[in-house]
Amino acid sequence: MAGGRRVPVTAAAIAWQKSSYSGEGATCLNIAAVEDGTVRLRESDDPDTVLVVAPASLRALLAAIRSHRHRHQLR
């Protein structure tokens, strides 16, 4: 996977934050900025699986999603 990899959680001290777009259900997106400069993402229903990405890669992904959504709303 370009820009990221799936790794097991090894640091119990990671300060996870719940996405403001997640509801009160069981499947929420959690995000954490880690001291090594990476950003980590996980789903609350599978907390042992973590996606590790560089901040620039995450910004590029989010920009692409926003651009795609904006282009399709204009039609």
PDB file of N, CA and C in Angstrom:
ATOM      1  N   MET A   1       0.848  -1.162   0.000  1.00  0.00           N
ATOM      2  CA  MET A   1       0.000   0.000   0.000  1.00  0.00           C
ATOM      3  C   MET A   1       0.897   1.228   0.000  1.00  0.00           C
ATOM      4  N   ALA A   2       0.780   2.059  -0.985  1.00  0.00           N
ATOM      5  CA  ALA A   2       1.629   3.247  -1.105  1.00  0.00           C
ATOM      6  C   ALA A   2       1.292   4.248  -0.010  1.00  0.00           C
ATOM      7  N   GLY A   3       2.318   4.734   0.687  1.00  0.00           N
ATOM      8  CA  GLY A   3       2.116   5.766   1.690  1.00  0.00           C
ATOM      9  C   GLY A   3       1.638   5.272   3.040  1.00  0.00           C
ATOM     10  N   GLY A   4       1.462   3.996   3.217  1.00  0.00           N
ATOM     11  CA  GLY A   4       0.982   3.496   4.503  1.00  0.00           C
ATOM     12  C   GLY A   4       1.206   2.005   4.622  1.00  0.00           C
ATOM     13  N   ARG A   5       1.051   1.521   5.846  1.00  0.00           N
ATOM     14  CA  ARG A   5       1.193   0.089   6.067  1.00  0.00           C
ATOM     15  C   ARG A   5       0.357  -0.291   7.279  1.00  0.00           C
ATOM     16  N   ARG A   6      -0.095  -1.532   7.322  1.00  0.00           N
ATOM     17  CA  ARG A   6      -0.878  -2.010   8.464  1.00  0.00           C
ATOM     18  C   ARG A   6       0.084  -2.620   9.465  1.00  0.00           C
ATOM     19  N   VAL A   7       0.014  -2.167  10.707  1.00  0.00           N
ATOM     20  CA  VAL A   7       0.908  -2.669  11.748  1.00  0.00           C
ATOM     21  C   VAL A   7       0.113  -2.920  13.018  1.00  0.00           C
ATOM     22  N   PRO A   8       0.565  -3.860  13.851  1.00  0.00           N
ATOM     23  CA  PRO A   8      -0.105  -4.060  15.137  1.00  0.00           C
ATOM     24  C   PRO A   8       0.212  -2.894  16.072  1.00  0.00           C
ATOM     25  N   VAL A   9      -0.717  -2.589  16.953  1.00  0.00           N
ATOM     26  CA  VAL A   9      -0.508  -1.524  17.932  1.00  0.00           C
ATOM     27  C   VAL A   9       0.493  -2.011  18.971  1.00  0.00           C
ATOM     28  N   THR A  10       1.550  -1.254  19.189  1.00  0.00           N
ATOM     29  CA  THR A  10       2.535  -1.652  20.181  1.00  0.00           C
ATOM     30  C   THR A  10       2.654  -0.642  21.311  1.00  0.00           C
ATOM     31  N   ALA A  11       2.219   0.596  21.093  1.00  0.00           N
ATOM     32  CA  ALA A  11       2.350   1.636  22.114  1.00  0.00           C
ATOM     33  C   ALA A  11       0.991   1.903  22.749  1.00  0.00           C
ATOM     34  N   ALA A  12       0.845   1.476  23.982  1.00  0.00           N
ATOM     35  CA  ALA A  12      -0.420   1.681  24.692  1.00  0.00           C
ATOM     36  C   ALA A  12      -0.640   3.135  25.053  1.00  0.00           C
ATOM     37  N   ALA A  13       0.398   3.955  24.992  1.00  0.00           N
ATOM     38  CA  ALA A  13       0.301   5.354  25.409  1.00  0.00           C
ATOM     39  C   ALA A  13      -0.163   6.285  24.288  1.00  0.00           C
ATOM     40  N   ILE A  14      -0.580   5.757  23.146  1.00  0.00           N
ATOM     41  CA  ILE A  14      -1.053   6.610  22.060  1.00  0.00           C
ATOM     42  C   ILE A  14      -2.361   7.274  22.485  1.00  0.00           C
ATOM     43  N   ALA A  15      -2.443   8.592  22.284  1.00  0.00           N
ATOM     44  CA  ALA A  15      -3.650   9.347  22.639  1.00  0.00           C
ATOM     45  C   ALA A  15      -4.579   9.398  21.422  1.00  0.00           C
ATOM     46  N   TRP A  16      -5.543   8.483  21.378  1.00  0.00           N
ATOM     47  CA  TRP A  16      -6.472   8.394  20.258  1.00  0.00           C
ATOM     48  C   TRP A  16      -7.567   9.434  20.398  1.00  0.00           C
ATOM     49  N   GLN A  17      -7.973  10.010  19.275  1.00  0.00           N
ATOM     50  CA  GLN A  17      -9.104  10.935  19.239  1.00  0.00           C
ATOM     51  C   GLN A  17     -10.156  10.364  18.301  1.00  0.00           C
ATOM     52  N   LYS A  18     -11.406  10.498  18.697  1.00  0.00           N
ATOM     53  CA  LYS A  18     -12.516  10.017  17.877  1.00  0.00           C
ATOM     54  C   LYS A  18     -12.867  11.088  16.847  1.00  0.00           C
ATOM     55  N   SER A  19     -13.093  10.670  15.610  1.00  0.00           N
ATOM     56  CA  SER A  19     -13.484  11.595  14.560  1.00  0.00           C
ATOM     57  C   SER A  19     -14.782  12.292  14.919  1.00  0.00           C
ATOM     58  N   SER A  20     -14.863  13.587  14.629  1.00  0.00           N
ATOM     59  CA  SER A  20     -16.094  14.336  14.901  1.00  0.00           C
ATOM     60  C   SER A  20     -17.222  13.881  13.975  1.00  0.00           C
ATOM     61  N   TYR A  21     -16.902  13.191  12.890  1.00  0.00           N
ATOM     62  CA  TYR A  21     -17.918  12.678  11.979  1.00  0.00           C
ATOM     63  C   TYR A  21     -18.466  11.323  12.424  1.00  0.00           C
ATOM     64  N   SER A  22     -17.839  10.699  13.413  1.00  0.00           N
ATOM     65  CA  SER A  22     -18.320   9.415  13.916  1.00  0.00           C
ATOM     66  C   SER A  22     -19.490   9.644  14.850  1.00  0.00           C
ATOM     67  N   GLY A  23     -20.493   8.813  14.723  1.00  0.00           N
ATOM     68  CA  GLY A  23     -21.645   8.904  15.614  1.00  0.00           C
ATOM     69  C   GLY A  23     -21.359   8.198  16.928  1.00  0.00           C
ATOM     70  N   GLU A  24     -22.402   7.831  17.614  1.00  0.00           N
ATOM     71  CA  GLU A  24     -22.259   7.152  18.899  1.00  0.00           C
ATOM     72  C   GLU A  24     -22.223   5.639  18.743  1.00  0.00           C
ATOM     73  N   GLY A  25     -22.224   5.140  17.511  1.00  0.00           N
ATOM     74  CA  GLY A  25     -22.213   3.703  17.273  1.00  0.00           C
ATOM     75  C   GLY A  25     -20.878   3.061  17.583  1.00  0.00           C
ATOM     76  N   ALA A  26     -20.794   1.781  17.291  1.00  0.00           N
ATOM     77  CA  ALA A  26     -19.593   1.009  17.624  1.00  0.00           C
ATOM     78  C   ALA A  26     -18.467   1.205  16.623  1.00  0.00           C
ATOM     79  N   THR A  27     -18.776   1.610  15.396  1.00  0.00           N
ATOM     80  CA  THR A  27     -17.733   1.738  14.389  1.00  0.00           C
ATOM     81  C   THR A  27     -17.366   3.205  14.200  1.00  0.00           C
ATOM     82  N   CYS A  28     -16.338   3.617  14.883  1.00  0.00           N
ATOM     83  CA  CYS A  28     -15.870   5.000  14.830  1.00  0.00           C
ATOM     84  C   CYS A  28     -14.434   5.022  14.321  1.00  0.00           C
ATOM     85  N   LEU A  29     -14.073   6.087  13.648  1.00  0.00           N
ATOM     86  CA  LEU A  29     -12.699   6.278  13.200  1.00  0.00           C
ATOM     87  C   LEU A  29     -11.933   7.003  14.297  1.00  0.00           C
ATOM     88  N   ASN A  30     -10.784   6.443  14.672  1.00  0.00           N
ATOM     89  CA  ASN A  30      -9.903   7.071  15.656  1.00  0.00           C
ATOM     90  C   ASN A  30      -8.631   7.496  14.949  1.00  0.00           C
ATOM     91  N   ILE A  31      -8.061   8.633  15.374  1.00  0.00           N
ATOM     92  CA  ILE A  31      -6.841   9.159  14.773  1.00  0.00           C
ATOM     93  C   ILE A  31      -5.896   9.592  15.885  1.00  0.00           C
ATOM     94  N   ALA A  32      -4.595   9.454  15.631  1.00  0.00           N
ATOM     95  CA  ALA A  32      -3.595   9.870  16.624  1.00  0.00           C
ATOM     96  C   ALA A  32      -2.339  10.346  15.901  1.00  0.00           C
ATOM     97  N   ALA A  33      -1.775  11.445  16.395  1.00  0.00           N
ATOM     98  CA  ALA A  33      -0.463  11.900  15.937  1.00  0.00           C
ATOM     99  C   ALA A  33       0.555  11.317  16.912  1.00  0.00           C
ATOM    100  N   VAL A  34       1.601  10.707  16.380  1.00  0.00           N
ATOM    101  CA  VAL A  34       2.563   9.979  17.205  1.00  0.00           C
ATOM    102  C   VAL A  34       3.909  10.707  17.170  1.00  0.00           C
ATOM    103  N   GLU A  35       4.685  10.533  18.226  1.00  0.00           N
ATOM    104  CA  GLU A  35       5.972  11.224  18.368  1.00  0.00           C
ATOM    105  C   GLU A  35       6.932  10.986  17.217  1.00  0.00           C
ATOM    106  N   ASP A  36       6.803   9.851  16.520  1.00  0.00           N
ATOM    107  CA  ASP A  36       7.713   9.569  15.406  1.00  0.00           C
ATOM    108  C   ASP A  36       7.357  10.353  14.138  1.00  0.00           C
ATOM    109  N   GLY A  37       6.328  11.198  14.222  1.00  0.00           N
ATOM    110  CA  GLY A  37       5.937  12.034  13.095  1.00  0.00           C
ATOM    111  C   GLY A  37       4.880  11.429  12.197  1.00  0.00           C
ATOM    112  N   THR A  38       4.406  10.230  12.522  1.00  0.00           N
ATOM    113  CA  THR A  38       3.373   9.588  11.714  1.00  0.00           C
ATOM    114  C   THR A  38       1.997   9.888  12.287  1.00  0.00           C
ATOM    115  N   VAL A  39       0.998   9.609  11.467  1.00  0.00           N
ATOM    116  CA  VAL A  39      -0.399   9.683  11.885  1.00  0.00           C
ATOM    117  C   VAL A  39      -0.928   8.259  11.842  1.00  0.00           C
ATOM    118  N   ARG A  40      -1.696   7.895  12.846  1.00  0.00           N
ATOM    119  CA  ARG A  40      -2.250   6.531  12.909  1.00  0.00           C
ATOM    120  C   ARG A  40      -3.772   6.596  12.893  1.00  0.00           C
ATOM    121  N   LEU A  41      -4.360   5.677  12.148  1.00  0.00           N
ATOM    122  CA  LEU A  41      -5.806   5.575  12.009  1.00  0.00           C
ATOM    123  C   LEU A  41      -6.243   4.168  12.358  1.00  0.00           C
ATOM    124  N   ARG A  42      -7.387   4.052  12.992  1.00  0.00           N
ATOM    125  CA  ARG A  42      -7.946   2.724  13.295  1.00  0.00           C
ATOM    126  C   ARG A  42      -9.461   2.844  13.419  1.00  0.00           C
ATOM    127  N   GLU A  43     -10.131   1.717  13.306  1.00  0.00           N
ATOM    128  CA  GLU A  43     -11.564   1.640  13.557  1.00  0.00           C
ATOM    129  C   GLU A  43     -11.755   1.143  14.975  1.00  0.00           C
ATOM    130  N   SER A  44     -12.748   1.695  15.656  1.00  0.00           N
ATOM    131  CA  SER A  44     -12.953   1.311  17.054  1.00  0.00           C
ATOM    132  C   SER A  44     -13.354  -0.150  17.206  1.00  0.00           C
ATOM    133  N   ASP A  45     -13.977  -0.746  16.184  1.00  0.00           N
ATOM    134  CA  ASP A  45     -14.370  -2.153  16.299  1.00  0.00           C
ATOM    135  C   ASP A  45     -13.229  -3.113  15.971  1.00  0.00           C
ATOM    136  N   ASP A  46     -12.069  -2.594  15.524  1.00  0.00           N
ATOM    137  CA  ASP A  46     -10.884  -3.412  15.260  1.00  0.00           C
ATOM    138  C   ASP A  46      -9.642  -2.626  15.689  1.00  0.00           C
ATOM    139  N   PRO A  47      -9.510  -2.341  16.990  1.00  0.00           N
ATOM    140  CA  PRO A  47      -8.455  -1.444  17.463  1.00  0.00           C
ATOM    141  C   PRO A  47      -7.043  -1.989  17.348  1.00  0.00           C
ATOM    142  N   ASP A  48      -6.881  -3.271  17.102  1.00  0.00           N
ATOM    143  CA  ASP A  48      -5.534  -3.839  16.979  1.00  0.00           C
ATOM    144  C   ASP A  48      -4.959  -3.673  15.571  1.00  0.00           C
ATOM    145  N   THR A  49      -5.765  -3.248  14.615  1.00  0.00           N
ATOM    146  CA  THR A  49      -5.292  -2.994  13.264  1.00  0.00           C
ATOM    147  C   THR A  49      -5.188  -1.489  13.065  1.00  0.00           C
ATOM    148  N   VAL A  50      -3.981  -1.033  12.762  1.00  0.00           N
ATOM    149  CA  VAL A  50      -3.708   0.403  12.674  1.00  0.00           C
ATOM    150  C   VAL A  50      -3.047   0.712  11.343  1.00  0.00           C
ATOM    151  N   LEU A  51      -3.525   1.747  10.681  1.00  0.00           N
ATOM    152  CA  LEU A  51      -2.904   2.236   9.458  1.00  0.00           C
ATOM    153  C   LEU A  51      -1.961   3.365   9.845  1.00  0.00           C
ATOM    154  N   VAL A  52      -0.699   3.254   9.459  1.00  0.00           N
ATOM    155  CA  VAL A  52       0.325   4.255   9.776  1.00  0.00           C
ATOM    156  C   VAL A  52       0.649   5.003   8.490  1.00  0.00           C
ATOM    157  N   VAL A  53       0.491   6.334   8.518  1.00  0.00           N
ATOM    158  CA  VAL A  53       0.757   7.147   7.331  1.00  0.00           C
ATOM    159  C   VAL A  53       1.549   8.391   7.699  1.00  0.00           C
ATOM    160  N   ALA A  54       2.224   8.923   6.704  1.00  0.00           N
ATOM    161  CA  ALA A  54       2.888  10.214   6.866  1.00  0.00           C
ATOM    162  C   ALA A  54       1.823  11.303   6.767  1.00  0.00           C
ATOM    163  N   PRO A  55       1.965  12.388   7.522  1.00  0.00           N
ATOM    164  CA  PRO A  55       0.971  13.470   7.453  1.00  0.00           C
ATOM    165  C   PRO A  55       0.741  13.980   6.029  1.00  0.00           C
ATOM    166  N   ALA A  56       1.789  14.093   5.232  1.00  0.00           N
ATOM    167  CA  ALA A  56       1.635  14.573   3.853  1.00  0.00           C
ATOM    168  C   ALA A  56       0.777  13.618   3.022  1.00  0.00           C
ATOM    169  N   SER A  57       0.933  12.321   3.238  1.00  0.00           N
ATOM    170  CA  SER A  57       0.132  11.333   2.514  1.00  0.00           C
ATOM    171  C   SER A  57      -1.334  11.442   2.897  1.00  0.00           C
ATOM    172  N   LEU A  58      -1.611  11.631   4.179  1.00  0.00           N
ATOM    173  CA  LEU A  58      -2.994  11.773   4.634  1.00  0.00           C
ATOM    174  C   LEU A  58      -3.604  13.051   4.077  1.00  0.00           C
ATOM    175  N   ARG A  59      -2.852  14.155   4.087  1.00  0.00           N
ATOM    176  CA  ARG A  59      -3.348  15.416   3.510  1.00  0.00           C
ATOM    177  C   ARG A  59      -3.678  15.239   2.032  1.00  0.00           C
ATOM    178  N   ALA A  60      -2.809  14.549   1.285  1.00  0.00           N
ATOM    179  CA  ALA A  60      -3.049  14.322  -0.139  1.00  0.00           C
ATOM    180  C   ALA A  60      -4.305  13.480  -0.364  1.00  0.00           C
ATOM    181  N   LEU A  61      -4.494  12.443   0.448  1.00  0.00           N
ATOM    182  CA  LEU A  61      -5.688  11.610   0.336  1.00  0.00           C
ATOM    183  C   LEU A  61      -6.946  12.425   0.604  1.00  0.00           C
ATOM    184  N   LEU A  62      -6.950  13.199   1.677  1.00  0.00           N
ATOM    185  CA  LEU A  62      -8.126  14.003   2.018  1.00  0.00           C
ATOM    186  C   LEU A  62      -8.407  15.064   0.961  1.00  0.00           C
ATOM    187  N   ALA A  63      -7.368  15.671   0.416  1.00  0.00           N
ATOM    188  CA  ALA A  63      -7.554  16.663  -0.654  1.00  0.00           C
ATOM    189  C   ALA A  63      -8.176  16.013  -1.884  1.00  0.00           C
ATOM    190  N   ALA A  64      -7.723  14.817  -2.229  1.00  0.00           N
ATOM    191  CA  ALA A  64      -8.275  14.101  -3.382  1.00  0.00           C
ATOM    192  C   ALA A  64      -9.746  13.752  -3.154  1.00  0.00           C
ATOM    193  N   ILE A  65     -10.082  13.340  -1.949  1.00  0.00           N
ATOM    194  CA  ILE A  65     -11.478  13.007  -1.632  1.00  0.00           C
ATOM    195  C   ILE A  65     -12.345  14.254  -1.731  1.00  0.00           C
ATOM    196  N   ARG A  66     -11.876  15.352  -1.155  1.00  0.00           N
ATOM    197  CA  ARG A  66     -12.642  16.605  -1.216  1.00  0.00           C
ATOM    198  C   ARG A  66     -12.818  17.071  -2.654  1.00  0.00           C
ATOM    199  N   SER A  67     -11.771  16.990  -3.447  1.00  0.00           N
ATOM    200  CA  SER A  67     -11.831  17.418  -4.844  1.00  0.00           C
ATOM    201  C   SER A  67     -12.818  16.554  -5.626  1.00  0.00           C
ATOM    202  N   HIS A  68     -12.765  15.255  -5.418  1.00  0.00           N
ATOM    203  CA  HIS A  68     -13.671  14.325  -6.099  1.00  0.00           C
ATOM    204  C   HIS A  68     -15.122  14.625  -5.710  1.00  0.00           C
ATOM    205  N   ARG A  69     -15.365  14.816  -4.426  1.00  0.00           N
ATOM    206  CA  ARG A  69     -16.723  15.087  -3.940  1.00  0.00           C
ATOM    207  C   ARG A  69     -17.231  16.407  -4.515  1.00  0.00           C
ATOM    208  N   HIS A  70     -16.364  17.425  -4.529  1.00  0.00           N
ATOM    209  CA  HIS A  70     -16.759  18.737  -5.044  1.00  0.00           C
ATOM    210  C   HIS A  70     -17.103  18.655  -6.534  1.00  0.00           C
ATOM    211  N   ARG A  71     -16.290  17.940  -7.311  1.00  0.00           N
ATOM    212  CA  ARG A  71     -16.562  17.805  -8.753  1.00  0.00           C
ATOM    213  C   ARG A  71     -17.888  17.112  -9.007  1.00  0.00           C
ATOM    214  N   HIS A  72     -18.233  16.124  -8.200  1.00  0.00           N
ATOM    215  CA  HIS A  72     -19.464  15.382  -8.420  1.00  0.00           C
ATOM    216  C   HIS A  72     -20.691  16.115  -7.901  1.00  0.00           C
ATOM    217  N   GLN A  73     -20.536  17.045  -6.982  1.00  0.00           N
ATOM    218  CA  GLN A  73     -21.668  17.831  -6.500  1.00  0.00           C
ATOM    219  C   GLN A  73     -22.068  18.905  -7.503  1.00  0.00           C
ATOM    220  N   LEU A  74     -21.157  19.297  -8.369  1.00  0.00           N
ATOM    221  CA  LEU A  74     -21.427  20.343  -9.340  1.00  0.00           C
ATOM    222  C   LEU A  74     -22.235  19.853 -10.531  1.00  0.00           C
ATOM    223  N   ARG A  75     -22.348  18.564 -10.693  1.00  0.00           N
ATOM    224  CA  ARG A  75     -23.080  18.003 -11.851  1.00  0.00           C
ATOM    225  C   ARG A  75     -24.563  18.119 -11.685  1.00  0.00           C
TER     226      ARG A  75
END
